Amino acid sequence: MKTVALLHPGEMGAAIGACLGGLGLRVVWASAGRSAATRSRANAAGLEDLGALERALGVADIVLSVCPPHGALALAREVAGHGFRGIYIDANAVSPATVRNIGRVLEAAEATFVDGGIIGPPPVPGLSSRIYLSGGPARDVAAVFAGSNLQAIPLEGAAGAASALKACYAAWTKGATALLAAIRALAVHEGIEAALLEEWKRSQPELPKRSEVVTAQARKAWRWIGEMEEIAASFEAAGLPAGFHLAAADLYRRLEGFKDGAAPPALAEVTTAFRRGAPRRKASSGVRRRSSVRQQEETPPARFKFGTAAIKRDAAKRLRLLKRS
């Protein structure tokens, strides 16, 4: 195992590639179709650009997939379509069900599959993180990372165990970040933010600072939309309510406007974006009129229910889409 194809060198991927390169491994990537920012990160990390994905796969013993959750399955299918038969590590923030589906795709193409879940910041000098591994030769793959800033920890479970651990961890960290920021937005709306902060200082002294963490994360919140939806699917598959993290996904979707910003936004900008909501496409006037008439004809008399019907409809729709993928 001397050559790793890294797909793709975002902030996390580039840092991992630099770690592996520092161990003496050859780390390659494919620049075709990638952005100038990605090229810049890859160059800074010392990664070898082979241009086309097919060329990178042709020399690789291991493929390490680190991409936004919504692209993980499509990337696996693309790699399988090129006939890659080495070790494929999916290190994306997806649900156990999604990662098992990815595993079936790769194994049908005669690749060896390992499930991975990354916890912690990009492993640059001075910062260390963990990658949990399960399924296939997880223990052998863990040895590849030995001595780097990315500590590899093999789990005894089959593929899906590492992704489940990542989902449970992020369900709290990123879910709580969204919840606390939404609470601040509600407090501003009701005019009691100062009183809430004073009470938190008395009884929950860590929360005022914790509730502002979202400002540092807002520019990459777009990456967490899919992750929250994958976590929601994990809860639903276990017979648990999915609404907590579908709501978090909705909140992070409302922060997409901060992507690639030059500086972190102020908390007031975040709470305003939360309350403004996600942009919606406007239907034509004829469509709106027909929809309004049909709704009046078909909608039964409203009855009070706990929860929000709109959130429930969105939850059901997103879960159906995730299952189909």
Protein backbone atom coordinates (compact mmCIF):
# COMPACT_ATOMS: atom_id res chain seq x y z
CA MET A 1 0.00 0.00 0.00
CA LYS A 2 2.20 2.78 -1.27
CA THR A 3 -0.07 4.96 -3.40
CA VAL A 4 -3.26 6.68 -2.26
CA ALA A 5 -5.70 8.42 -4.60
CA LEU A 6 -7.35 11.21 -2.60
CA LEU A 7 -10.84 12.21 -3.74
CA HIS A 8 -11.00 15.17 -3.21
CA PRO A 9 -8.63 17.66 -1.55
CA GLY A 10 -11.01 20.01 0.21
CA GLU A 11 -9.92 21.48 3.53
CA MET A 12 -10.12 18.10 5.29
CA GLY A 13 -8.93 16.01 2.36
CA ALA A 14 -5.88 18.17 1.65
CA ALA A 15 -4.80 18.00 5.30
CA ILE A 16 -5.14 14.21 5.30
CA GLY A 17 -3.19 14.01 2.04
CA ALA A 18 -0.38 16.04 3.58
CA CYS A 19 -0.35 13.65 6.56
CA LEU A 20 -0.02 10.63 4.30
CA GLY A 21 2.61 12.31 2.16
CA GLY A 22 4.59 13.02 5.31
CA LEU A 23 4.66 9.28 5.98
CA GLY A 24 6.37 8.67 2.64
CA LEU A 25 3.28 7.55 0.73
CA ARG A 26 2.62 8.69 -2.81
CA VAL A 27 -0.62 10.71 -2.73
CA VAL A 28 -2.25 11.46 -6.07
CA TRP A 29 -5.40 13.25 -7.10
CA ALA A 30 -7.35 14.14 -10.25
CA SER A 31 -7.75 17.83 -11.08
CA ALA A 32 -10.15 17.41 -14.01
CA GLY A 33 -13.28 19.40 -13.29
CA ARG A 34 -12.04 20.69 -9.94
CA SER A 35 -11.93 24.35 -8.92
CA ALA A 36 -8.95 26.67 -8.71
CA ALA A 37 -9.30 26.68 -4.91
CA THR A 38 -9.06 22.88 -4.87
CA ARG A 39 -5.96 22.99 -7.06
CA SER A 40 -4.38 25.52 -4.74
CA ARG A 41 -5.03 23.35 -1.66
CA ALA A 42 -3.69 20.25 -3.39
CA ASN A 43 -0.50 22.04 -4.45
CA ALA A 44 0.04 23.40 -0.94
CA ALA A 45 -0.38 19.88 0.48
CA GLY A 46 2.19 18.45 -1.95
CA LEU A 47 -0.25 16.16 -3.76
CA GLU A 48 0.60 14.78 -7.20
CA ASP A 49 -1.88 15.78 -9.88
CA LEU A 50 -2.58 13.08 -12.47
CA GLY A 51 -5.30 15.06 -14.21
CA ALA A 52 -7.92 12.43 -15.04
CA LEU A 53 -9.62 10.25 -12.43
CA GLU A 54 -8.91 7.14 -14.49
CA ARG A 55 -5.16 7.82 -14.34
CA ALA A 56 -5.24 8.35 -10.57
CA LEU A 57 -7.15 5.12 -10.04
CA GLY A 58 -4.77 3.26 -12.31
CA VAL A 59 -1.80 3.77 -9.97
CA ALA A 60 -3.62 3.64 -6.62
CA ASP A 61 -3.56 0.88 -4.04
CA ILE A 62 -6.08 2.81 -1.91
CA VAL A 63 -8.79 5.31 -2.76
CA LEU A 64 -9.73 7.65 0.07
CA SER A 65 -13.07 9.39 -0.53
CA VAL A 66 -13.51 12.67 1.39
CA CYS A 67 -16.30 14.70 -0.19
CA PRO A 68 -19.63 16.35 0.76
CA PRO A 69 -22.15 13.67 1.86
CA HIS A 70 -24.54 14.23 -1.03
CA GLY A 71 -21.81 13.26 -3.51
CA ALA A 72 -20.47 10.14 -1.77
CA LEU A 73 -22.57 7.53 -3.56
CA ALA A 74 -22.13 9.10 -7.00
CA LEU A 75 -18.35 9.22 -6.51
CA ALA A 76 -18.29 5.55 -5.47
CA ARG A 77 -20.25 4.61 -8.59
CA GLU A 78 -17.84 6.58 -10.76
CA VAL A 79 -14.83 4.82 -9.24
CA ALA A 80 -16.51 1.42 -9.60
CA GLY A 81 -17.29 2.25 -13.22
CA HIS A 82 -13.57 2.62 -13.90
CA GLY A 83 -12.96 -0.93 -12.63
CA PHE A 84 -10.93 -0.01 -9.53
CA ARG A 85 -10.13 -3.19 -7.55
CA GLY A 86 -7.98 -1.90 -4.71
CA ILE A 87 -9.08 -0.73 -1.26
CA TYR A 88 -11.76 1.95 -1.17
CA ILE A 89 -12.21 3.93 2.06
CA ASP A 90 -15.38 5.98 2.28
CA ALA A 91 -14.64 8.61 4.95
CA ASN A 92 -17.74 10.74 4.36
CA ALA A 93 -20.39 11.85 6.85
CA VAL A 94 -23.15 9.53 5.64
CA SER A 95 -25.61 7.23 7.38
CA PRO A 96 -24.81 3.56 8.03
CA ALA A 97 -27.42 2.60 5.41
CA THR A 98 -25.81 4.87 2.80
CA VAL A 99 -22.33 3.59 3.50
CA ARG A 100 -23.49 -0.02 3.22
CA ASN A 101 -25.00 0.85 -0.15
CA ILE A 102 -21.68 2.40 -1.18
CA GLY A 103 -19.94 -0.76 -0.02
CA ARG A 104 -22.20 -2.94 -2.17
CA VAL A 105 -21.44 -0.79 -5.21
CA LEU A 106 -17.67 -1.13 -4.73
CA GLU A 107 -17.70 -4.81 -3.83
CA ALA A 108 -19.82 -5.61 -6.90
CA ALA A 109 -16.94 -4.11 -8.91
CA GLU A 110 -14.50 -6.37 -6.97
CA ALA A 111 -12.96 -3.59 -4.88
CA THR A 112 -12.31 -4.04 -1.15
CA PHE A 113 -14.43 -1.73 0.97
CA VAL A 114 -13.66 -0.05 4.31
CA ASP A 115 -16.03 2.30 6.14
CA GLY A 116 -14.47 5.39 7.72
CA GLY A 117 -15.69 8.18 9.98
CA ILE A 118 -13.55 11.26 10.68
CA ILE A 119 -13.92 13.10 13.98
CA GLY A 120 -12.04 16.32 14.67
CA PRO A 121 -10.60 19.23 12.68
CA PRO A 122 -8.36 18.91 9.61
CA PRO A 123 -5.18 17.23 10.95
CA VAL A 124 -2.66 19.98 10.33
CA PRO A 125 0.53 20.34 12.43
CA GLY A 126 -0.43 20.97 16.04
CA LEU A 127 -3.91 19.47 15.61
CA SER A 128 -4.80 15.79 15.64
CA SER A 129 -7.99 14.01 14.65
CA ARG A 130 -9.32 10.47 14.50
CA ILE A 131 -10.53 8.30 11.67
CA TYR A 132 -12.56 5.31 12.83
CA LEU A 133 -12.52 2.33 10.46
CA SER A 134 -14.77 -0.72 10.18
CA GLY A 135 -15.38 -3.58 7.80
CA GLY A 136 -12.96 -5.38 5.51
CA PRO A 137 -9.25 -4.98 6.33
CA ALA A 138 -9.89 -2.08 8.72
CA ARG A 139 -7.03 -3.06 11.02
CA ASP A 140 -4.53 -3.28 8.16
CA VAL A 141 -5.69 0.07 6.76
CA ALA A 142 -5.36 1.68 10.20
CA ALA A 143 -1.65 0.80 10.14
CA VAL A 144 -1.22 2.98 7.03
CA PHE A 145 -1.95 6.10 9.10
CA ALA A 146 0.39 5.19 11.98
CA GLY A 147 2.64 8.07 13.00
CA SER A 148 0.55 10.81 11.39
CA ASN A 149 -1.68 13.52 12.88
CA LEU A 150 -4.67 11.42 11.87
CA GLN A 151 -5.02 8.62 14.41
CA ALA A 152 -6.71 5.58 12.85
CA ILE A 153 -8.85 3.49 15.20
CA PRO A 154 -10.25 0.17 13.90
CA LEU A 155 -13.64 -0.95 15.20
CA GLU A 156 -14.77 -4.54 15.54
CA GLY A 157 -18.06 -4.02 13.70
CA ALA A 158 -18.81 -4.47 10.02
CA ALA A 159 -19.05 -1.62 7.51
CA GLY A 160 -21.49 0.92 8.92
CA ALA A 161 -20.06 0.95 12.45
CA ALA A 162 -17.61 3.79 11.76
CA SER A 163 -20.28 5.87 10.02
CA ALA A 164 -22.71 5.21 12.89
CA LEU A 165 -20.15 6.48 15.39
CA LYS A 166 -19.56 9.61 13.30
CA ALA A 167 -23.33 10.16 12.97
CA CYS A 168 -23.87 9.89 16.72
CA TYR A 169 -21.00 12.26 17.44
CA ALA A 170 -22.07 14.90 14.91
CA ALA A 171 -25.72 14.54 15.91
CA TRP A 172 -24.73 16.25 19.14
CA THR A 173 -21.93 18.63 18.11
CA LYS A 174 -23.39 20.05 14.88
CA GLY A 175 -26.98 19.49 15.92
CA ALA A 176 -26.46 21.40 19.17
CA THR A 177 -24.68 24.22 17.31
CA ALA A 178 -27.77 24.70 15.14
CA LEU A 179 -30.16 24.44 18.09
CA LEU A 180 -28.33 26.98 20.25
CA ALA A 181 -28.05 29.48 17.40
CA ALA A 182 -31.77 29.06 16.67
CA ILE A 183 -32.52 29.71 20.34
CA ARG A 184 -30.57 32.96 20.10
CA ALA A 185 -32.62 33.88 17.01
CA LEU A 186 -35.86 33.21 18.89
CA ALA A 187 -34.66 35.23 21.88
CA VAL A 188 -33.86 38.19 19.60
CA HIS A 189 -37.28 37.92 17.97
CA GLU A 190 -39.02 37.97 21.37
CA GLY A 191 -36.82 40.74 22.77
CA ILE A 192 -35.44 38.71 25.70
CA GLU A 193 -31.90 37.93 24.46
CA ALA A 194 -30.15 39.94 27.22
CA ALA A 195 -32.23 38.26 29.93
CA LEU A 196 -31.54 34.82 28.45
CA LEU A 197 -27.79 35.46 28.38
CA GLU A 198 -27.85 36.60 32.00
CA GLU A 199 -29.71 33.45 33.04
CA TRP A 200 -27.31 31.28 31.08
CA LYS A 201 -24.38 32.98 32.83
CA ARG A 202 -25.92 32.05 36.18
CA SER A 203 -27.03 28.51 35.49
CA GLN A 204 -25.35 27.35 32.23
CA PRO A 205 -22.14 29.43 32.04
CA GLU A 206 -20.77 27.61 29.00
CA LEU A 207 -23.78 28.34 26.78
CA PRO A 208 -23.30 32.05 25.88
CA LYS A 209 -19.99 31.30 24.17
CA ARG A 210 -21.21 27.97 22.79
CA SER A 211 -24.24 29.64 21.22
CA GLU A 212 -21.92 31.80 19.07
CA VAL A 213 -19.88 28.91 17.63
CA VAL A 214 -22.10 28.97 14.56
CA THR A 215 -20.46 32.22 13.39
CA ALA A 216 -17.14 30.45 12.90
CA GLN A 217 -18.86 27.59 11.05
CA ALA A 218 -21.33 29.53 8.89
CA ARG A 219 -19.11 29.63 5.79
CA LYS A 220 -18.99 25.83 5.62
CA ALA A 221 -22.52 25.19 6.89
CA TRP A 222 -23.54 24.24 3.33
CA ARG A 223 -21.53 21.03 3.78
CA TRP A 224 -23.57 20.11 6.84
CA ILE A 225 -26.97 20.12 5.16
CA GLY A 226 -26.48 16.66 3.69
CA GLU A 227 -24.81 15.44 6.87
CA MET A 228 -27.82 16.44 8.98
CA GLU A 229 -30.14 14.71 6.52
CA GLU A 230 -28.01 11.56 6.67
CA ILE A 231 -28.15 11.68 10.47
CA ALA A 232 -31.93 12.12 10.28
CA ALA A 233 -32.11 9.01 8.09
CA SER A 234 -29.99 7.13 10.67
CA PHE A 235 -32.43 8.04 13.44
CA GLU A 236 -35.43 7.12 11.31
CA ALA A 237 -33.91 3.74 10.42
CA ALA A 238 -33.54 3.03 14.15
CA GLY A 239 -37.19 3.87 14.81
CA LEU A 240 -36.32 7.26 16.32
CA PRO A 241 -37.70 10.71 15.37
CA ALA A 242 -35.82 12.27 12.47
CA GLY A 243 -37.16 15.78 12.94
CA PHE A 244 -34.37 17.08 15.17
CA HIS A 245 -31.77 16.91 12.44
CA LEU A 246 -34.03 17.70 9.52
CA ALA A 247 -34.64 20.99 11.32
CA ALA A 248 -30.87 21.42 11.73
CA ALA A 249 -30.45 20.78 7.99
CA ASP A 250 -33.04 23.48 7.29
CA LEU A 251 -31.18 25.93 9.52
CA TYR A 252 -27.86 25.23 7.83
CA ARG A 253 -29.52 25.62 4.43
CA ARG A 254 -30.45 29.16 5.46
CA LEU A 255 -26.73 29.92 5.88
CA GLU A 256 -25.72 28.97 2.34
CA GLY A 257 -25.35 32.65 1.49
CA PHE A 258 -22.24 32.82 3.71
CA LYS A 259 -20.37 30.21 1.65
CA ASP A 260 -16.90 31.40 0.60
CA GLY A 261 -17.28 34.63 2.55
CA ALA A 262 -14.13 36.60 3.26
CA ALA A 263 -14.75 36.65 7.02
CA PRO A 264 -17.08 34.93 9.51
CA PRO A 265 -20.43 36.69 9.84
CA ALA A 266 -21.58 38.34 13.06
CA LEU A 267 -24.10 36.43 15.16
CA ALA A 268 -26.76 39.02 14.29
CA GLU A 269 -26.28 38.21 10.60
CA VAL A 270 -26.69 34.49 11.32
CA THR A 271 -29.85 34.92 13.37
CA THR A 272 -31.29 37.22 10.70
CA ALA A 273 -30.59 34.57 8.04
CA PHE A 274 -32.27 31.95 10.22
CA ARG A 275 -35.41 34.05 10.61
CA ARG A 276 -35.49 35.11 6.95
CA GLY A 277 -35.57 31.47 5.89
CA ALA A 278 -34.24 29.67 2.85
CA PRO A 279 -34.92 31.28 -0.54
CA ARG A 280 -37.90 29.78 -2.34
CA ARG A 281 -38.63 29.65 -6.06
CA LYS A 282 -41.74 31.56 -7.08
CA ALA A 283 -44.31 29.70 -9.13
CA SER A 284 -46.07 31.47 -11.98
CA SER A 285 -49.30 33.29 -11.10
CA GLY A 286 -51.41 30.69 -12.91
CA VAL A 287 -49.76 27.87 -10.99
CA ARG A 288 -50.29 29.73 -7.72
CA ARG A 289 -53.98 30.31 -8.48
CA ARG A 290 -54.61 26.68 -9.44
CA SER A 291 -52.70 25.45 -6.41
CA SER A 292 -54.67 27.75 -4.11
CA VAL A 293 -58.03 26.62 -5.49
CA ARG A 294 -57.08 22.95 -5.34
CA GLN A 295 -55.82 23.33 -1.77
CA GLN A 296 -59.08 24.94 -0.70
CA GLU A 297 -61.05 22.10 -2.30
CA GLU A 298 -58.91 19.26 -0.94
CA THR A 299 -57.76 20.45 2.49
CA PRO A 300 -59.95 19.16 5.36
CA PRO A 301 -60.79 21.42 8.29
CA ALA A 302 -57.62 22.17 10.25
CA ARG A 303 -57.14 20.41 13.57
CA PHE A 304 -54.53 21.27 16.13
CA LYS A 305 -51.61 18.86 16.17
CA PHE A 306 -48.35 18.84 18.01
CA GLY A 307 -45.42 19.54 15.69
CA THR A 308 -45.38 21.39 12.39
CA ALA A 309 -47.01 19.88 9.33
CA ALA A 310 -44.56 21.56 6.96
CA ILE A 311 -41.57 20.11 8.78
CA LYS A 312 -43.15 16.67 8.75
CA ARG A 313 -43.82 16.85 5.01
CA ASP A 314 -40.26 17.97 4.34
CA ALA A 315 -38.94 15.21 6.60
CA ALA A 316 -40.89 12.52 4.75
CA LYS A 317 -39.79 13.86 1.37
CA ARG A 318 -36.09 14.02 2.30
CA LEU A 319 -36.11 10.57 3.85
CA ARG A 320 -37.71 9.14 0.69
CA LEU A 321 -34.99 10.76 -1.42
CA LEU A 322 -32.23 9.42 0.82
CA LYS A 323 -33.66 5.89 0.68
CA ARG A 324 -33.89 6.01 -3.12
CA SER A 325 -30.22 6.99 -3.37
